[in-house]
């Protein structure tokens, strides 16, 4: 069933209201065939469609719905994704403490899955939130941890991304020689 990919590729960014509608059709189809894992993907599309339209209260409701369905399925990767998406919404609302809480849950899930790339992404995202809070010491800690993970897996793109984040923190700390 590539319907979820089609919606994502052709509607979510340009026509999020249509993406919501087609995702509803996808949910109905997934229910008809008892495809719970597909159902949660379509619920996620609905949540994202609200987030893209800055309808954050509705996005939270749908992300929570997606989270509960993912927990019922015991889909750790989907659970981590829900936590990450909720963190994005709360960051957009300016609730950085809640965003950090969700990202910490995301990080924990990816650590359980031993998913190094997403561990690094989670650490970098937490670091960015600390930059938003102008808590550069904590930002440095998280970006340094992300960099160390990237070195272990030798992912050059992620290494470069982590170095850019570290440079940003050092610049904010006015330690230009380290930036």
Protein backbone atom coordinates (compact mmCIF):
# COMPACT_ATOMS: atom_id res chain seq x y z
CA UNK A 1 0.00 0.00 0.00
CA UNK A 2 1.86 3.03 -1.24
CA UNK A 3 -1.04 5.40 -0.62
CA UNK A 4 0.63 6.91 2.45
CA UNK A 5 3.78 7.63 0.43
CA UNK A 6 1.74 9.16 -2.37
CA UNK A 7 -0.07 11.45 0.06
CA UNK A 8 3.23 12.45 1.63
CA UNK A 9 4.95 13.09 -1.68
CA UNK A 10 2.10 14.90 -3.45
CA UNK A 11 -0.13 16.56 -0.86
CA UNK A 12 1.28 17.05 2.63
CA UNK A 13 3.55 19.99 1.79
CA UNK A 14 1.40 21.77 -0.78
CA UNK A 15 -2.16 20.79 0.13
CA UNK A 16 -2.23 19.65 3.75
CA UNK A 17 -6.03 19.82 3.93
CA UNK A 18 -6.26 17.38 1.01
CA UNK A 19 -3.61 15.21 2.68
CA UNK A 20 -5.86 15.03 5.74
CA UNK A 21 -8.82 13.96 3.59
CA UNK A 22 -6.87 11.27 1.73
CA UNK A 23 -5.35 10.04 4.98
CA UNK A 24 -8.88 9.57 6.31
CA UNK A 25 -9.62 7.40 3.29
CA UNK A 26 -6.42 5.50 4.00
CA UNK A 27 -7.47 4.93 7.61
CA UNK A 28 -10.80 3.55 6.44
CA UNK A 29 -9.05 1.22 4.00
CA UNK A 30 -6.50 0.12 6.62
CA UNK A 31 -9.32 -0.64 9.08
CA UNK A 32 -11.17 -2.62 6.44
CA UNK A 33 -8.12 -4.85 5.96
CA UNK A 34 -7.04 -4.80 9.65
CA UNK A 35 -3.72 -3.13 8.84
CA UNK A 36 -2.97 -1.36 12.14
CA UNK A 37 0.56 -0.35 11.17
CA UNK A 38 -0.77 1.42 8.08
CA UNK A 39 -3.51 3.04 10.10
CA UNK A 40 -0.97 4.72 12.38
CA UNK A 41 0.90 6.05 9.35
CA UNK A 42 -2.27 7.70 8.08
CA UNK A 43 -3.07 9.13 11.52
CA UNK A 44 0.43 10.59 11.52
CA UNK A 45 -0.24 12.23 8.15
CA UNK A 46 -3.38 13.79 9.60
CA UNK A 47 -1.43 15.13 12.56
CA UNK A 48 1.30 16.52 10.31
CA UNK A 49 -1.33 18.19 8.14
CA UNK A 50 -2.54 20.12 11.19
CA UNK A 51 0.99 21.02 12.26
CA UNK A 52 1.80 22.37 8.78
CA UNK A 53 -1.28 24.58 8.99
CA UNK A 54 -0.21 25.80 12.47
CA UNK A 55 -3.30 24.19 13.97
CA UNK A 56 -1.27 22.96 16.92
CA UNK A 57 -4.10 21.96 19.28
CA UNK A 58 -5.50 19.62 16.62
CA UNK A 59 -2.01 18.36 15.79
CA UNK A 60 -1.49 17.43 19.45
CA UNK A 61 -4.82 15.55 19.53
CA UNK A 62 -3.89 13.55 16.43
CA UNK A 63 -0.30 12.93 17.54
CA UNK A 64 -1.68 11.65 20.87
CA UNK A 65 -4.08 9.40 18.96
CA UNK A 66 -1.14 8.18 16.88
CA UNK A 67 0.96 7.66 20.01
CA UNK A 68 -1.73 5.57 21.71
CA UNK A 69 -2.20 3.43 18.58
CA UNK A 70 1.58 2.99 18.30
CA UNK A 71 1.80 1.96 21.95
CA UNK A 72 -1.00 -0.56 21.41
CA UNK A 73 0.98 -2.02 18.50
CA UNK A 74 4.20 -1.93 20.53
CA UNK A 75 5.85 -0.19 17.56
CA UNK A 76 8.88 1.41 19.21
CA UNK A 77 9.97 3.28 16.11
CA UNK A 78 6.50 4.79 15.62
CA UNK A 79 6.35 5.69 19.33
CA UNK A 80 9.68 7.49 19.04
CA UNK A 81 8.41 9.31 15.96
CA UNK A 82 5.29 10.44 17.82
CA UNK A 83 7.37 11.80 20.67
CA UNK A 84 9.60 13.62 18.18
CA UNK A 85 6.64 15.11 16.35
CA UNK A 86 5.05 16.24 19.62
CA UNK A 87 8.33 17.95 20.51
CA UNK A 88 8.18 19.89 17.24
CA UNK A 89 4.66 21.11 18.02
CA UNK A 90 5.55 22.18 21.54
CA UNK A 91 8.68 23.93 20.26
CA UNK A 92 6.47 25.81 17.78
CA UNK A 93 4.21 26.80 20.69
CA UNK A 94 7.25 28.08 22.61
CA UNK A 95 6.89 25.40 25.30
CA UNK A 96 10.54 24.37 25.27
CA UNK A 97 10.40 22.41 28.53
CA UNK A 98 7.69 20.10 27.18
CA UNK A 99 9.51 19.85 23.85
CA UNK A 100 12.68 18.76 25.68
CA UNK A 101 10.67 16.20 27.68
CA UNK A 102 9.33 14.66 24.48
CA UNK A 103 12.73 14.70 22.81
CA UNK A 104 14.22 12.98 25.86
CA UNK A 105 11.60 10.24 25.43
CA UNK A 106 12.46 10.09 21.74
CA UNK A 107 16.13 9.71 22.59
CA UNK A 108 15.39 6.92 25.08
CA UNK A 109 13.36 5.00 22.50
CA UNK A 110 16.09 5.27 19.86
CA UNK A 111 18.68 4.17 22.42
CA UNK A 112 16.57 1.06 23.11
CA UNK A 113 16.43 0.44 19.36
CA UNK A 114 20.19 1.06 19.08
CA UNK A 115 19.44 3.48 16.22
CA UNK A 116 22.59 5.59 16.11
CA UNK A 117 21.48 8.02 13.39
CA UNK A 118 18.28 8.88 15.25
CA UNK A 119 20.14 9.00 18.57
CA UNK A 120 22.40 11.62 17.00
CA UNK A 121 19.41 13.51 15.54
CA UNK A 122 17.64 13.48 18.91
CA UNK A 123 20.73 14.75 20.71
CA UNK A 124 21.17 17.52 18.15
CA UNK A 125 17.50 18.48 18.42
CA UNK A 126 17.75 18.70 22.21
CA UNK A 127 20.86 20.82 21.77
CA UNK A 128 18.95 23.17 19.44
CA UNK A 129 16.22 23.58 22.03
CA UNK A 130 18.83 24.55 24.60
CA UNK A 131 20.16 27.10 22.11
CA UNK A 132 16.60 28.50 21.86
CA UNK A 133 16.65 28.79 25.66
CA UNK A 134 20.10 30.42 25.46
CA UNK A 135 21.39 27.62 27.71
CA UNK A 136 24.58 27.20 25.76
CA UNK A 137 26.30 24.95 28.27
CA UNK A 138 23.60 22.27 27.94
CA UNK A 139 23.44 22.86 24.18
CA UNK A 140 27.18 22.17 24.01
CA UNK A 141 26.78 18.94 26.02
CA UNK A 142 24.09 17.56 23.71
CA UNK A 143 25.77 18.62 20.48
CA UNK A 144 29.06 17.12 21.68
CA UNK A 145 27.31 13.82 22.47
CA UNK A 146 25.72 13.85 19.01
CA UNK A 147 29.12 14.45 17.44
CA UNK A 148 30.61 11.51 19.34
CA UNK A 149 27.81 9.19 18.15
CA UNK A 150 28.39 10.31 14.55
CA UNK A 151 32.11 9.63 14.84
CA UNK A 152 31.44 6.09 16.11
CA UNK A 153 29.30 5.26 13.09
CA UNK A 154 31.47 7.30 10.72
CA UNK A 155 28.55 9.09 9.09
CA UNK A 156 30.17 12.05 7.32
CA UNK A 157 26.93 13.95 6.73
CA UNK A 158 25.92 13.70 10.38
CA UNK A 159 29.47 14.57 11.49
CA UNK A 160 29.31 17.73 9.39
CA UNK A 161 25.87 18.59 10.78
CA UNK A 162 27.10 18.09 14.36
CA UNK A 163 30.17 20.22 13.74
CA UNK A 164 27.97 23.02 12.41
CA UNK A 165 25.85 22.80 15.57
CA UNK A 166 28.94 22.86 17.78
CA UNK A 167 30.27 25.85 15.87
CA UNK A 168 26.97 27.66 16.41
CA UNK A 169 27.14 27.05 20.15
CA UNK A 170 30.76 28.19 20.40
CA UNK A 171 29.87 31.32 18.44
CA UNK A 172 27.04 32.02 20.90
CA UNK A 173 29.49 31.52 23.76
CA UNK A 174 31.79 34.00 22.01
CA UNK A 175 34.47 31.31 21.77
CA UNK A 176 35.17 32.01 18.11
CA UNK A 177 38.50 30.18 18.17
CA UNK A 178 36.58 26.94 18.82
CA UNK A 179 33.81 27.75 16.35
